Amino acid sequence: MSSLKGEARASPKQRPERGDAYYGALDLGTNNCRLLIASPEPSGFAVVDAFSRIVRLGEGLTGRGALSEPAMKRTIDALRICANKLTWHRVGRRRLVATEACRMAANGEEFIARVREEVGLELEIIGREMEARLAAVGAEPLLAEDAETALIFDIGGGSTELMWLARQDERHEILTWTSLAAGVVTVSERFGGVDVDGAKYDSMRMFLRPMIASFADRVRSRTGGAAEPAHLLGTSGTVTTIAGVQLGLRRYDRARVDGCWLKRDDIARVCAELLAMSYDERMDNACIGRDRADLVLAGCAILEEICRAFPASRIRVADRGLREGILTLMMKTDGTYGTEIA
């Protein structure tokens, strides 16, 4: 795809004259609304424009069972920006997907129809298996080439996807996967995310442990008893946040985070540091901020339980995932991936 075998930033270009020069991928999750617009290039593809906003579409969904009006309004405001970008860049090929919040909400389909009417975007609610596969495709370029096995995971707002990959000839294939109905939003709403002490954090971990252990058992049954991958590959705001804190960044820097390696001990140390912080201290951290301060410890609990069940010595951090997977698959289908459109 790029210099990091993933996503490159395109040099400034004029607005295209036709609608087949750029591709668009939108990921509407429980917590975030993210858009990438890219053009095929010899290295894979290069990002032309991007947008990301925390919208908390799934806020309160666990207790209510439906999307709230304030959450839908916030999300529609963000989607209008996405629609304007897609129109301005004359994006011809696009795939716009919604995940766990819209899957689980009683009014999810109704919201999709409202987006179509008010914003003019055709969103597609995808299943958990498709979400897992797209995330794996997006992150796969960061797998160590010599890794015989690896675990890719995506800690989302409403769900967490786990994919066990094994080498098959020259590429890695998903051997088995799962999607857990637990993400940073759902776990923080269940246990509280503002004032989190050691006991509450342990309760989060104990809640998550049997879910993740069950998948580890499934992996062992498929591999003849092995559940220790060559390395873990994490694609989510949780792992990028922990990487930023571990690196001591004064402000988040994707170039330093995407593709970096963390040792298992580093993850445990940073999680302990974040647990020891007050809510205000977490808000003041440049890699966390106000929008993630009440979610980050739920993410830490999920991550630590993944590390416990799959005890690899190191983890690779991917600031990429579902959107990149969408772009890659669209371009490969069209035969334009790794080419250049004039």
C-alpha atoms as a PDB file:
ATOM      1  CA  MET A   1       0.000   0.000   0.000  1.00  0.00           C
ATOM      2  CA  SER A   2       2.597   2.612   1.034  1.00  0.00           C
ATOM      3  CA  SER A   3       5.927   3.214   2.731  1.00  0.00           C
ATOM      4  CA  LEU A   4       4.527   1.324   5.744  1.00  0.00           C
ATOM      5  CA  LYS A   5       2.926  -1.221   3.416  1.00  0.00           C
ATOM      6  CA  GLY A   6      -0.321   0.557   4.159  1.00  0.00           C
ATOM      7  CA  GLU A   7      -1.645   4.005   3.635  1.00  0.00           C
ATOM      8  CA  ALA A   8       0.384   6.830   2.095  1.00  0.00           C
ATOM      9  CA  ARG A   9      -0.493  10.494   2.007  1.00  0.00           C
ATOM     10  CA  ALA A  10      -0.945  11.675  -1.557  1.00  0.00           C
ATOM     11  CA  SER A  11       0.779  14.780  -2.790  1.00  0.00           C
ATOM     12  CA  PRO A  12      -1.657  17.661  -3.421  1.00  0.00           C
ATOM     13  CA  LYS A  13      -3.733  17.068  -6.536  1.00  0.00           C
ATOM     14  CA  GLN A  14      -6.291  19.061  -8.427  1.00  0.00           C
ATOM     15  CA  ARG A  15      -9.911  18.080  -8.125  1.00  0.00           C
ATOM     16  CA  PRO A  16     -10.408  15.177 -10.541  1.00  0.00           C
ATOM     17  CA  GLU A  17     -12.356  15.723 -13.744  1.00  0.00           C
ATOM     18  CA  ARG A  18     -14.124  12.361 -13.551  1.00  0.00           C
ATOM     19  CA  GLY A  19     -15.564  10.101 -10.893  1.00  0.00           C
ATOM     20  CA  ASP A  20     -13.290   7.069 -11.207  1.00  0.00           C
ATOM     21  CA  ALA A  21     -10.055   8.617  -9.934  1.00  0.00           C
ATOM     22  CA  TYR A  22     -10.791   8.361  -6.207  1.00  0.00           C
ATOM     23  CA  TYR A  23     -12.225   5.699  -3.916  1.00  0.00           C
ATOM     24  CA  GLY A  24     -14.061   6.338  -0.643  1.00  0.00           C
ATOM     25  CA  ALA A  25     -14.442   4.191   2.487  1.00  0.00           C
ATOM     26  CA  LEU A  26     -16.543   5.148   5.489  1.00  0.00           C
ATOM     27  CA  ASP A  27     -16.698   3.295   8.809  1.00  0.00           C
ATOM     28  CA  LEU A  28     -19.536   4.306  11.140  1.00  0.00           C
ATOM     29  CA  GLY A  29     -19.011   2.555  14.437  1.00  0.00           C
ATOM     30  CA  THR A  30     -20.419   2.739  17.935  1.00  0.00           C
ATOM     31  CA  ASN A  31     -18.021   5.517  18.892  1.00  0.00           C
ATOM     32  CA  ASN A  32     -16.465   6.965  15.741  1.00  0.00           C
ATOM     33  CA  CYS A  33     -17.313   8.125  12.249  1.00  0.00           C
ATOM     34  CA  ARG A  34     -14.299   7.771   9.936  1.00  0.00           C
ATOM     35  CA  LEU A  35     -13.801   8.466   6.243  1.00  0.00           C
ATOM     36  CA  LEU A  36     -10.865   7.854   3.897  1.00  0.00           C
ATOM     37  CA  ILE A  37     -10.629   9.009   0.290  1.00  0.00           C
ATOM     38  CA  ALA A  38      -7.754   7.511  -1.675  1.00  0.00           C
ATOM     39  CA  SER A  39      -6.316   7.087  -5.150  1.00  0.00           C
ATOM     40  CA  PRO A  40      -4.541   4.000  -6.525  1.00  0.00           C
ATOM     41  CA  GLU A  41      -0.773   4.305  -6.696  1.00  0.00           C
ATOM     42  CA  PRO A  42       2.051   1.895  -7.564  1.00  0.00           C
ATOM     43  CA  SER A  43       2.680   1.371  -3.830  1.00  0.00           C
ATOM     44  CA  GLY A  44      -0.967   0.380  -3.313  1.00  0.00           C
ATOM     45  CA  PHE A  45      -2.995   3.501  -2.620  1.00  0.00           C
ATOM     46  CA  ALA A  46      -2.451   6.999  -1.278  1.00  0.00           C
ATOM     47  CA  VAL A  47      -4.845   8.892   0.984  1.00  0.00           C
ATOM     48  CA  VAL A  48      -6.183  12.079  -0.578  1.00  0.00           C
ATOM     49  CA  ASP A  49      -8.466  13.187   2.256  1.00  0.00           C
ATOM     50  CA  ALA A  50      -9.549  11.863   5.651  1.00  0.00           C
ATOM     51  CA  PHE A  51     -12.054  12.667   8.360  1.00  0.00           C
ATOM     52  CA  SER A  52     -12.585  11.283  11.844  1.00  0.00           C
ATOM     53  CA  ARG A  53     -14.946  12.379  14.592  1.00  0.00           C
ATOM     54  CA  ILE A  54     -16.076  10.787  17.841  1.00  0.00           C
ATOM     55  CA  VAL A  55     -19.877  10.762  17.602  1.00  0.00           C
ATOM     56  CA  ARG A  56     -20.837   8.165  20.247  1.00  0.00           C
ATOM     57  CA  LEU A  57     -23.693   6.841  18.150  1.00  0.00           C
ATOM     58  CA  GLY A  58     -24.115   3.909  20.540  1.00  0.00           C
ATOM     59  CA  GLU A  59     -24.216   6.020  23.705  1.00  0.00           C
ATOM     60  CA  GLY A  60     -26.765   4.470  26.082  1.00  0.00           C
ATOM     61  CA  LEU A  61     -27.640   1.728  23.599  1.00  0.00           C
ATOM     62  CA  THR A  62     -26.957  -1.091  26.074  1.00  0.00           C
ATOM     63  CA  GLY A  63     -29.696   0.043  28.440  1.00  0.00           C
ATOM     64  CA  ARG A  64     -32.097   1.611  25.931  1.00  0.00           C
ATOM     65  CA  GLY A  65     -31.882  -0.849  23.063  1.00  0.00           C
ATOM     66  CA  ALA A  66     -32.209   1.984  20.549  1.00  0.00           C
ATOM     67  CA  LEU A  67     -30.168   4.897  19.208  1.00  0.00           C
ATOM     68  CA  SER A  68     -30.955   8.164  20.981  1.00  0.00           C
ATOM     69  CA  GLU A  69     -31.980  11.329  19.159  1.00  0.00           C
ATOM     70  CA  PRO A  70     -28.939  13.366  20.365  1.00  0.00           C
ATOM     71  CA  ALA A  71     -26.572  10.586  19.230  1.00  0.00           C
ATOM     72  CA  MET A  72     -28.242  10.361  15.829  1.00  0.00           C
ATOM     73  CA  LYS A  73     -28.086  14.145  15.376  1.00  0.00           C
ATOM     74  CA  ARG A  74     -24.359  14.197  16.238  1.00  0.00           C
ATOM     75  CA  THR A  75     -23.737  11.416  13.776  1.00  0.00           C
ATOM     76  CA  ILE A  76     -25.731  13.028  10.980  1.00  0.00           C
ATOM     77  CA  ASP A  77     -23.729  16.241  11.443  1.00  0.00           C
ATOM     78  CA  ALA A  78     -20.527  14.243  10.953  1.00  0.00           C
ATOM     79  CA  LEU A  79     -21.939  12.345   7.995  1.00  0.00           C
ATOM     80  CA  ARG A  80     -22.813  15.638   6.266  1.00  0.00           C
ATOM     81  CA  ILE A  81     -19.127  16.531   6.353  1.00  0.00           C
ATOM     82  CA  CYS A  82     -18.301  13.133   4.880  1.00  0.00           C
ATOM     83  CA  ALA A  83     -20.912  13.609   2.150  1.00  0.00           C
ATOM     84  CA  ASN A  84     -19.463  17.004   1.252  1.00  0.00           C
ATOM     85  CA  LYS A  85     -15.966  15.547   0.986  1.00  0.00           C
ATOM     86  CA  LEU A  86     -17.154  12.685  -1.217  1.00  0.00           C
ATOM     87  CA  THR A  87     -18.956  15.158  -3.474  1.00  0.00           C
ATOM     88  CA  TRP A  88     -16.078  17.634  -3.644  1.00  0.00           C
ATOM     89  CA  HIS A  89     -13.566  14.946  -4.623  1.00  0.00           C
ATOM     90  CA  ARG A  90     -16.041  13.439  -7.118  1.00  0.00           C
ATOM     91  CA  VAL A  91     -15.574  10.017  -5.521  1.00  0.00           C
ATOM     92  CA  GLY A  92     -16.976   7.438  -7.904  1.00  0.00           C
ATOM     93  CA  ARG A  93     -16.312   4.110  -6.154  1.00  0.00           C
ATOM     94  CA  ARG A  94     -17.314   4.038  -2.507  1.00  0.00           C
ATOM     95  CA  ARG A  95     -18.388   1.692   0.246  1.00  0.00           C
ATOM     96  CA  LEU A  96     -19.963   3.176   3.356  1.00  0.00           C
ATOM     97  CA  VAL A  97     -20.525   0.749   6.228  1.00  0.00           C
ATOM     98  CA  ALA A  98     -22.120   0.830   9.672  1.00  0.00           C
ATOM     99  CA  THR A  99     -21.263  -1.699  12.355  1.00  0.00           C
ATOM    100  CA  GLU A 100     -22.263  -2.746  15.877  1.00  0.00           C
ATOM    101  CA  ALA A 101     -24.452   0.177  16.995  1.00  0.00           C
ATOM    102  CA  CYS A 102     -26.669  -0.034  13.919  1.00  0.00           C
ATOM    103  CA  ARG A 103     -26.639  -3.847  14.043  1.00  0.00           C
ATOM    104  CA  MET A 104     -27.886  -3.945  17.619  1.00  0.00           C
ATOM    105  CA  ALA A 105     -30.262  -0.971  17.785  1.00  0.00           C
ATOM    106  CA  ALA A 106     -33.966  -1.581  17.326  1.00  0.00           C
ATOM    107  CA  ASN A 107     -34.040   1.562  15.180  1.00  0.00           C
ATOM    108  CA  GLY A 108     -30.803   0.862  13.310  1.00  0.00           C
ATOM    109  CA  GLU A 109     -32.445   0.355   9.919  1.00  0.00           C
ATOM    110  CA  GLU A 110     -34.647   3.386  10.542  1.00  0.00           C
ATOM    111  CA  PHE A 111     -31.530   5.472  11.176  1.00  0.00           C
ATOM    112  CA  ILE A 112     -29.929   4.231   7.944  1.00  0.00           C
ATOM    113  CA  ALA A 113     -33.074   5.354   6.062  1.00  0.00           C
ATOM    114  CA  ARG A 114     -32.901   8.734   7.804  1.00  0.00           C
ATOM    115  CA  VAL A 115     -29.278   9.174   6.737  1.00  0.00           C
ATOM    116  CA  ARG A 116     -30.271   8.374   3.155  1.00  0.00           C
ATOM    117  CA  GLU A 117     -33.054  10.971   3.260  1.00  0.00           C
ATOM    118  CA  GLU A 118     -31.264  13.769   5.144  1.00  0.00           C
ATOM    119  CA  VAL A 119     -27.668  13.349   3.965  1.00  0.00           C
ATOM    120  CA  GLY A 120     -27.937  11.397   0.727  1.00  0.00           C
ATOM    121  CA  LEU A 121     -25.520   8.652   1.759  1.00  0.00           C
ATOM    122  CA  GLU A 122     -26.278   4.963   1.271  1.00  0.00           C
ATOM    123  CA  LEU A 123     -24.922   3.200   4.351  1.00  0.00           C
ATOM    124  CA  GLU A 124     -24.678  -0.584   4.525  1.00  0.00           C
ATOM    125  CA  ILE A 125     -25.000  -2.410   7.852  1.00  0.00           C
ATOM    126  CA  ILE A 126     -22.416  -5.191   7.671  1.00  0.00           C
ATOM    127  CA  GLY A 127     -22.292  -8.368   9.739  1.00  0.00           C
ATOM    128  CA  ARG A 128     -19.648  -9.201  12.283  1.00  0.00           C
ATOM    129  CA  GLU A 129     -17.843 -11.652  10.018  1.00  0.00           C
ATOM    130  CA  MET A 130     -17.485  -9.059   7.254  1.00  0.00           C
ATOM    131  CA  GLU A 131     -16.313  -6.475   9.796  1.00  0.00           C
ATOM    132  CA  ALA A 132     -13.650  -8.870  11.056  1.00  0.00           C
ATOM    133  CA  ARG A 133     -12.449  -9.745   7.560  1.00  0.00           C
ATOM    134  CA  LEU A 134     -12.251  -6.116   6.432  1.00  0.00           C
ATOM    135  CA  ALA A 135     -10.293  -5.156   9.557  1.00  0.00           C
ATOM    136  CA  ALA A 136      -7.901  -8.054   8.931  1.00  0.00           C
ATOM    137  CA  VAL A 137      -7.352  -7.045   5.301  1.00  0.00           C
ATOM    138  CA  GLY A 138      -6.634  -3.468   6.365  1.00  0.00           C
ATOM    139  CA  ALA A 139      -4.116  -4.444   9.034  1.00  0.00           C
ATOM    140  CA  GLU A 140      -2.553  -7.476   7.338  1.00  0.00           C
ATOM    141  CA  PRO A 141       0.313  -5.563   5.687  1.00  0.00           C
ATOM    142  CA  LEU A 142       1.782  -5.015   9.166  1.00  0.00           C
ATOM    143  CA  LEU A 143       2.012  -8.713   9.962  1.00  0.00           C
ATOM    144  CA  ALA A 144       5.595  -9.853  10.345  1.00  0.00           C
ATOM    145  CA  GLU A 145       6.447 -11.704   7.149  1.00  0.00           C
ATOM    146  CA  ASP A 146       8.101 -14.575   9.013  1.00  0.00           C
ATOM    147  CA  ALA A 147       5.196 -15.051  11.464  1.00  0.00           C
ATOM    148  CA  GLU A 148       3.695 -18.528  11.160  1.00  0.00           C
ATOM    149  CA  THR A 149       0.710 -17.455  13.281  1.00  0.00           C
ATOM    150  CA  ALA A 150      -0.687 -14.161  14.498  1.00  0.00           C
ATOM    151  CA  LEU A 151      -3.717 -12.771  16.281  1.00  0.00           C
ATOM    152  CA  ILE A 152      -5.287  -9.638  14.783  1.00  0.00           C
ATOM    153  CA  PHE A 153      -7.747  -7.861  17.057  1.00  0.00           C
ATOM    154  CA  ASP A 154      -9.913  -4.783  16.703  1.00  0.00           C
ATOM    155  CA  ILE A 155     -11.255  -3.268  19.928  1.00  0.00           C
ATOM    156  CA  GLY A 156     -14.246  -1.217  18.852  1.00  0.00           C
ATOM    157  CA  GLY A 157     -16.873   0.786  20.683  1.00  0.00           C
ATOM    158  CA  GLY A 158     -19.550  -1.893  20.756  1.00  0.00           C
ATOM    159  CA  SER A 159     -17.712  -5.088  19.846  1.00  0.00           C
ATOM    160  CA  THR A 160     -14.250  -6.629  19.695  1.00  0.00           C
ATOM    161  CA  GLU A 161     -13.143  -8.777  16.775  1.00  0.00           C
ATOM    162  CA  LEU A 162     -10.445 -11.447  17.169  1.00  0.00           C
ATOM    163  CA  MET A 163      -8.905 -13.216  14.148  1.00  0.00           C
ATOM    164  CA  TRP A 164      -6.384 -16.070  14.394  1.00  0.00           C
ATOM    165  CA  LEU A 165      -4.242 -16.181  11.254  1.00  0.00           C
ATOM    166  CA  ALA A 166      -1.933 -18.943  10.073  1.00  0.00           C
ATOM    167  CA  ARG A 167       0.544 -18.902   7.220  1.00  0.00           C
ATOM    168  CA  GLN A 168      -0.671 -20.703   4.101  1.00  0.00           C
ATOM    169  CA  ASP A 169       2.081 -20.746   1.467  1.00  0.00           C
ATOM    170  CA  GLU A 170       2.978 -17.088   0.834  1.00  0.00           C
ATOM    171  CA  ARG A 171       0.126 -15.434   2.700  1.00  0.00           C
ATOM    172  CA  HIS A 172      -1.740 -15.471   5.992  1.00  0.00           C
ATOM    173  CA  GLU A 173      -5.278 -16.860   6.104  1.00  0.00           C
ATOM    174  CA  ILE A 174      -7.907 -16.510   8.844  1.00  0.00           C
ATOM    175  CA  LEU A 175      -8.147 -19.908  10.497  1.00  0.00           C
ATOM    176  CA  THR A 176     -10.859 -18.933  12.975  1.00  0.00           C
ATOM    177  CA  TRP A 177     -12.415 -15.727  14.295  1.00  0.00           C
ATOM    178  CA  THR A 178     -14.940 -14.351  16.752  1.00  0.00           C
ATOM    179  CA  SER A 179     -16.756 -11.140  17.509  1.00  0.00           C
ATOM    180  CA  LEU A 180     -17.385 -10.321  21.164  1.00  0.00           C
ATOM    181  CA  ALA A 181     -20.342  -8.150  22.139  1.00  0.00           C
ATOM    182  CA  ALA A 182     -18.022  -6.031  24.279  1.00  0.00           C
ATOM    183  CA  GLY A 183     -16.225  -2.841  23.301  1.00  0.00           C
ATOM    184  CA  VAL A 184     -14.934   0.257  25.052  1.00  0.00           C
ATOM    185  CA  VAL A 185     -18.348   1.964  25.103  1.00  0.00           C
ATOM    186  CA  THR A 186     -20.366  -1.048  26.261  1.00  0.00           C
ATOM    187  CA  VAL A 187     -17.838  -2.045  28.943  1.00  0.00           C
ATOM    188  CA  SER A 188     -17.427   1.514  30.274  1.00  0.00           C
ATOM    189  CA  GLU A 189     -21.214   1.975  30.401  1.00  0.00           C
ATOM    190  CA  ARG A 190     -21.597  -1.321  32.262  1.00  0.00           C
ATOM    191  CA  PHE A 191     -18.916  -0.626  34.886  1.00  0.00           C
ATOM    192  CA  GLY A 192     -18.386   3.138  34.716  1.00  0.00           C
ATOM    193  CA  GLY A 193     -15.464   4.856  33.035  1.00  0.00           C
ATOM    194  CA  VAL A 194     -14.905   8.084  34.950  1.00  0.00           C
ATOM    195  CA  ASP A 195     -13.955   6.944  38.456  1.00  0.00           C
ATOM    196  CA  VAL A 196     -12.233   3.593  37.992  1.00  0.00           C
ATOM    197  CA  ASP A 197     -10.358   2.035  40.908  1.00  0.00           C
ATOM    198  CA  GLY A 198      -8.512  -1.273  41.062  1.00  0.00           C
ATOM    199  CA  ALA A 199     -11.586  -3.240  42.118  1.00  0.00           C
ATOM    200  CA  LYS A 200     -13.719  -1.880  39.286  1.00  0.00           C
ATOM    201  CA  TYR A 201     -10.929  -2.518  36.781  1.00  0.00           C
ATOM    202  CA  ASP A 202     -10.607  -6.109  38.016  1.00  0.00           C
ATOM    203  CA  SER A 203     -14.379  -6.518  37.607  1.00  0.00           C
ATOM    204  CA  MET A 204     -14.075  -5.402  33.991  1.00  0.00           C
ATOM    205  CA  ARG A 205     -11.354  -7.969  33.386  1.00  0.00           C
ATOM    206  CA  MET A 206     -13.274 -10.790  35.066  1.00  0.00           C
ATOM    207  CA  PHE A 207     -16.341  -9.955  32.956  1.00  0.00           C
ATOM    208  CA  LEU A 208     -14.258 -10.182  29.768  1.00  0.00           C
ATOM    209  CA  ARG A 209     -12.110 -13.185  30.716  1.00  0.00           C
ATOM    210  CA  PRO A 210     -14.513 -16.059  29.912  1.00  0.00           C
ATOM    211  CA  MET A 211     -15.430 -14.541  26.514  1.00  0.00           C
ATOM    212  CA  ILE A 212     -11.811 -14.290  25.404  1.00  0.00           C
ATOM    213  CA  ALA A 213     -10.798 -17.576  27.040  1.00  0.00           C
ATOM    214  CA  SER A 214     -13.547 -19.328  25.089  1.00  0.00           C
ATOM    215  CA  PHE A 215     -12.024 -18.143  21.826  1.00  0.00           C
ATOM    216  CA  ALA A 216      -8.551 -19.196  22.987  1.00  0.00           C
ATOM    217  CA  ASP A 217      -9.967 -22.680  23.609  1.00  0.00           C
ATOM    218  CA  ARG A 218     -11.365 -22.708  20.082  1.00  0.00           C
ATOM    219  CA  VAL A 219      -7.963 -21.746  18.692  1.00  0.00           C
ATOM    220  CA  ARG A 220      -6.307 -24.554  20.641  1.00  0.00           C
ATOM    221  CA  SER A 221      -8.809 -27.034  19.248  1.00  0.00           C
ATOM    222  CA  ARG A 222      -7.980 -25.926  15.711  1.00  0.00           C
ATOM    223  CA  THR A 223      -4.201 -25.846  16.176  1.00  0.00           C
ATOM    224  CA  GLY A 224      -3.589 -28.946  18.227  1.00  0.00           C
ATOM    225  CA  GLY A 225      -3.154 -27.127  21.521  1.00  0.00           C
ATOM    226  CA  ALA A 226      -1.272 -23.936  20.586  1.00  0.00           C
ATOM    227  CA  ALA A 227      -2.635 -20.483  21.413  1.00  0.00           C
ATOM    228  CA  GLU A 228       0.599 -18.489  21.578  1.00  0.00           C
ATOM    229  CA  PRO A 229       0.920 -16.526  18.321  1.00  0.00           C
ATOM    230  CA  ALA A 230       4.199 -15.223  16.946  1.00  0.00           C
ATOM    231  CA  HIS A 231       2.835 -11.773  17.705  1.00  0.00           C
ATOM    232  CA  LEU A 232      -0.351  -9.810  18.242  1.00  0.00           C
ATOM    233  CA  LEU A 233      -1.501  -7.088  15.834  1.00  0.00           C
ATOM    234  CA  GLY A 234      -3.900  -4.562  17.268  1.00  0.00           C
ATOM    235  CA  THR A 235      -5.976  -2.089  15.277  1.00  0.00           C
ATOM    236  CA  SER A 236      -8.013   0.227  17.482  1.00  0.00           C
ATOM    237  CA  GLY A 237      -7.983   3.503  19.362  1.00  0.00           C
ATOM    238  CA  THR A 238      -7.006   1.583  22.488  1.00  0.00           C
ATOM    239  CA  VAL A 239      -3.712   0.258  21.165  1.00  0.00           C
ATOM    240  CA  THR A 240      -2.791   3.490  19.382  1.00  0.00           C
ATOM    241  CA  THR A 241      -3.509   5.436  22.569  1.00  0.00           C
ATOM    242  CA  ILE A 242      -1.369   3.107  24.683  1.00  0.00           C
ATOM    243  CA  ALA A 243       1.418   3.328  22.118  1.00  0.00           C
ATOM    244  CA  GLY A 244       1.275   7.119  22.180  1.00  0.00           C
ATOM    245  CA  VAL A 245       1.458   7.171  25.979  1.00  0.00           C
ATOM    246  CA  GLN A 246       4.298   4.628  26.019  1.00  0.00           C
ATOM    247  CA  LEU A 247       6.242   6.700  23.482  1.00  0.00           C
ATOM    248  CA  GLY A 248       5.734   9.828  25.592  1.00  0.00           C
ATOM    249  CA  LEU A 249       4.227  11.804  22.717  1.00  0.00           C
ATOM    250  CA  ARG A 250       3.220  15.368  23.478  1.00  0.00           C
ATOM    251  CA  ARG A 251       0.636  15.078  20.725  1.00  0.00           C
ATOM    252  CA  TYR A 252      -0.524  12.045  18.792  1.00  0.00           C
ATOM    253  CA  ASP A 253       1.718  11.293  15.801  1.00  0.00           C
ATOM    254  CA  ARG A 254       0.445   8.604  13.436  1.00  0.00           C
ATOM    255  CA  ALA A 255       3.798   8.328  11.696  1.00  0.00           C
ATOM    256  CA  ARG A 256       5.419   7.196  14.956  1.00  0.00           C
ATOM    257  CA  VAL A 257       2.570   4.989  16.140  1.00  0.00           C
ATOM    258  CA  ASP A 258       1.470   3.049  13.044  1.00  0.00           C
ATOM    259  CA  GLY A 259       3.672  -0.026  12.723  1.00  0.00           C
ATOM    260  CA  CYS A 260       5.494   0.397  16.044  1.00  0.00           C
ATOM    261  CA  TRP A 261       6.102  -2.548  18.381  1.00  0.00           C
ATOM    262  CA  LEU A 262       5.187  -2.791  22.060  1.00  0.00           C
ATOM    263  CA  LYS A 263       6.475  -5.342  24.518  1.00  0.00           C
ATOM    264  CA  ARG A 264       3.952  -7.115  26.686  1.00  0.00           C
ATOM    265  CA  ASP A 265       5.530  -5.592  29.807  1.00  0.00           C
ATOM    266  CA  ASP A 266       5.160  -2.100  28.286  1.00  0.00           C
ATOM    267  CA  ILE A 267       1.428  -2.645  27.862  1.00  0.00           C
ATOM    268  CA  ALA A 268       0.993  -3.777  31.475  1.00  0.00           C
ATOM    269  CA  ARG A 269       3.011  -0.786  32.723  1.00  0.00           C
ATOM    270  CA  VAL A 270       1.056   1.797  30.698  1.00  0.00           C
ATOM    271  CA  CYS A 271      -2.287   0.264  31.723  1.00  0.00           C
ATOM    272  CA  ALA A 272      -1.232   0.485  35.376  1.00  0.00           C
ATOM    273  CA  GLU A 273      -0.178   4.119  34.886  1.00  0.00           C
ATOM    274  CA  LEU A 274      -3.529   5.001  33.314  1.00  0.00           C
ATOM    275  CA  LEU A 275      -5.408   3.238  36.116  1.00  0.00           C
ATOM    276  CA  ALA A 276      -3.478   5.289  38.669  1.00  0.00           C
ATOM    277  CA  MET A 277      -4.471   8.558  36.963  1.00  0.00           C
ATOM    278  CA  SER A 278      -7.539  10.574  37.877  1.00  0.00           C
ATOM    279  CA  TYR A 279     -10.177  11.257  35.238  1.00  0.00           C
ATOM    280  CA  ASP A 280      -8.868  14.827  34.877  1.00  0.00           C
ATOM    281  CA  GLU A 281      -5.319  13.565  34.424  1.00  0.00           C
ATOM    282  CA  ARG A 282      -6.470  11.213  31.679  1.00  0.00           C
ATOM    283  CA  MET A 283      -8.309  14.090  29.986  1.00  0.00           C
ATOM    284  CA  ASP A 284      -5.141  16.204  30.121  1.00  0.00           C
ATOM    285  CA  ASN A 285      -3.026  13.541  28.449  1.00  0.00           C
ATOM    286  CA  ALA A 286      -2.496  14.591  24.823  1.00  0.00           C
ATOM    287  CA  CYS A 287      -2.879  11.032  23.533  1.00  0.00           C
ATOM    288  CA  ILE A 288      -6.189  10.486  25.349  1.00  0.00           C
ATOM    289  CA  GLY A 289      -8.095  13.760  25.648  1.00  0.00           C
ATOM    290  CA  ARG A 290     -11.616  14.531  26.768  1.00  0.00           C
ATOM    291  CA  ASP A 291     -13.316  12.263  24.228  1.00  0.00           C
ATOM    292  CA  ARG A 292     -11.519   9.074  25.322  1.00  0.00           C
ATOM    293  CA  ALA A 293     -10.864   9.709  29.001  1.00  0.00           C
ATOM    294  CA  ASP A 294     -13.892   7.694  30.141  1.00  0.00           C
ATOM    295  CA  LEU A 295     -13.284   4.868  27.632  1.00  0.00           C
ATOM    296  CA  VAL A 296      -9.570   4.191  27.765  1.00  0.00           C
ATOM    297  CA  LEU A 297      -9.579   1.980  30.872  1.00  0.00           C
ATOM    298  CA  ALA A 298     -12.283  -0.256  29.424  1.00  0.00           C
ATOM    299  CA  GLY A 299     -10.014  -0.613  26.392  1.00  0.00           C
ATOM    300  CA  CYS A 300      -7.061  -1.413  28.661  1.00  0.00           C
ATOM    301  CA  ALA A 301      -9.082  -4.155  30.369  1.00  0.00           C
ATOM    302  CA  ILE A 302      -9.961  -5.736  27.011  1.00  0.00           C
ATOM    303  CA  LEU A 303      -6.369  -5.495  25.812  1.00  0.00           C
ATOM    304  CA  GLU A 304      -4.890  -6.989  28.981  1.00  0.00           C
ATOM    305  CA  GLU A 305      -7.293  -9.925  28.806  1.00  0.00           C
ATOM    306  CA  ILE A 306      -6.338 -10.527  25.172  1.00  0.00           C
ATOM    307  CA  CYS A 307      -2.665 -10.512  26.180  1.00  0.00           C
ATOM    308  CA  ARG A 308      -3.443 -12.901  29.039  1.00  0.00           C
ATOM    309  CA  ALA A 309      -5.239 -15.400  26.799  1.00  0.00           C
ATOM    310  CA  PHE A 310      -2.721 -15.123  23.935  1.00  0.00           C
ATOM    311  CA  PRO A 311       0.666 -14.650  25.634  1.00  0.00           C
ATOM    312  CA  ALA A 312       2.827 -13.357  22.792  1.00  0.00           C
ATOM    313  CA  SER A 313       5.896 -11.399  23.861  1.00  0.00           C
ATOM    314  CA  ARG A 314       5.164  -8.402  21.644  1.00  0.00           C
ATOM    315  CA  ILE A 315       2.367  -6.576  19.888  1.00  0.00           C
ATOM    316  CA  ARG A 316       2.413  -4.510  16.711  1.00  0.00           C
ATOM    317  CA  VAL A 317       0.280  -1.377  16.599  1.00  0.00           C
ATOM    318  CA  ALA A 318      -1.796  -0.533  13.531  1.00  0.00           C
ATOM    319  CA  ASP A 319      -3.382   2.863  13.033  1.00  0.00           C
ATOM    320  CA  ARG A 320      -5.413   1.362  10.206  1.00  0.00           C
ATOM    321  CA  GLY A 321      -8.101  -1.235   9.784  1.00  0.00           C
ATOM    322  CA  LEU A 322     -11.589  -1.458   8.369  1.00  0.00           C
ATOM    323  CA  ARG A 323     -11.439   1.568   6.033  1.00  0.00           C
ATOM    324  CA  GLU A 324      -8.124   0.452   4.589  1.00  0.00           C
ATOM    325  CA  GLY A 325      -9.548  -3.023   4.118  1.00  0.00           C
ATOM    326  CA  ILE A 326     -12.516  -1.609   2.197  1.00  0.00           C
ATOM    327  CA  LEU A 327     -10.241   0.437  -0.077  1.00  0.00           C
ATOM    328  CA  THR A 328      -7.902  -2.488  -0.715  1.00  0.00           C
ATOM    329  CA  LEU A 329     -10.713  -4.869  -1.652  1.00  0.00           C
ATOM    330  CA  MET A 330     -12.441  -2.359  -3.931  1.00  0.00           C
ATOM    331  CA  MET A 331      -9.244  -1.562  -5.791  1.00  0.00           C
ATOM    332  CA  LYS A 332      -8.242  -5.215  -6.115  1.00  0.00           C
ATOM    333  CA  THR A 333     -11.694  -6.003  -7.483  1.00  0.00           C
ATOM    334  CA  ASP A 334     -11.282  -3.228 -10.061  1.00  0.00           C
ATOM    335  CA  GLY A 335      -7.694  -4.215 -10.856  1.00  0.00           C
ATOM    336  CA  THR A 336      -6.429  -0.758  -9.888  1.00  0.00           C
ATOM    337  CA  TYR A 337      -4.635  -1.583  -6.617  1.00  0.00           C
ATOM    338  CA  GLY A 338      -0.934  -0.911  -7.073  1.00  0.00           C
ATOM    339  CA  THR A 339      -1.479   1.096 -10.255  1.00  0.00           C
ATOM    340  CA  GLU A 340      -1.837   4.786 -10.977  1.00  0.00           C
ATOM    341  CA  ILE A 341      -4.810   6.560 -12.450  1.00  0.00           C
ATOM    342  CA  ALA A 342      -3.782   9.661 -14.358  1.00  0.00           C
END
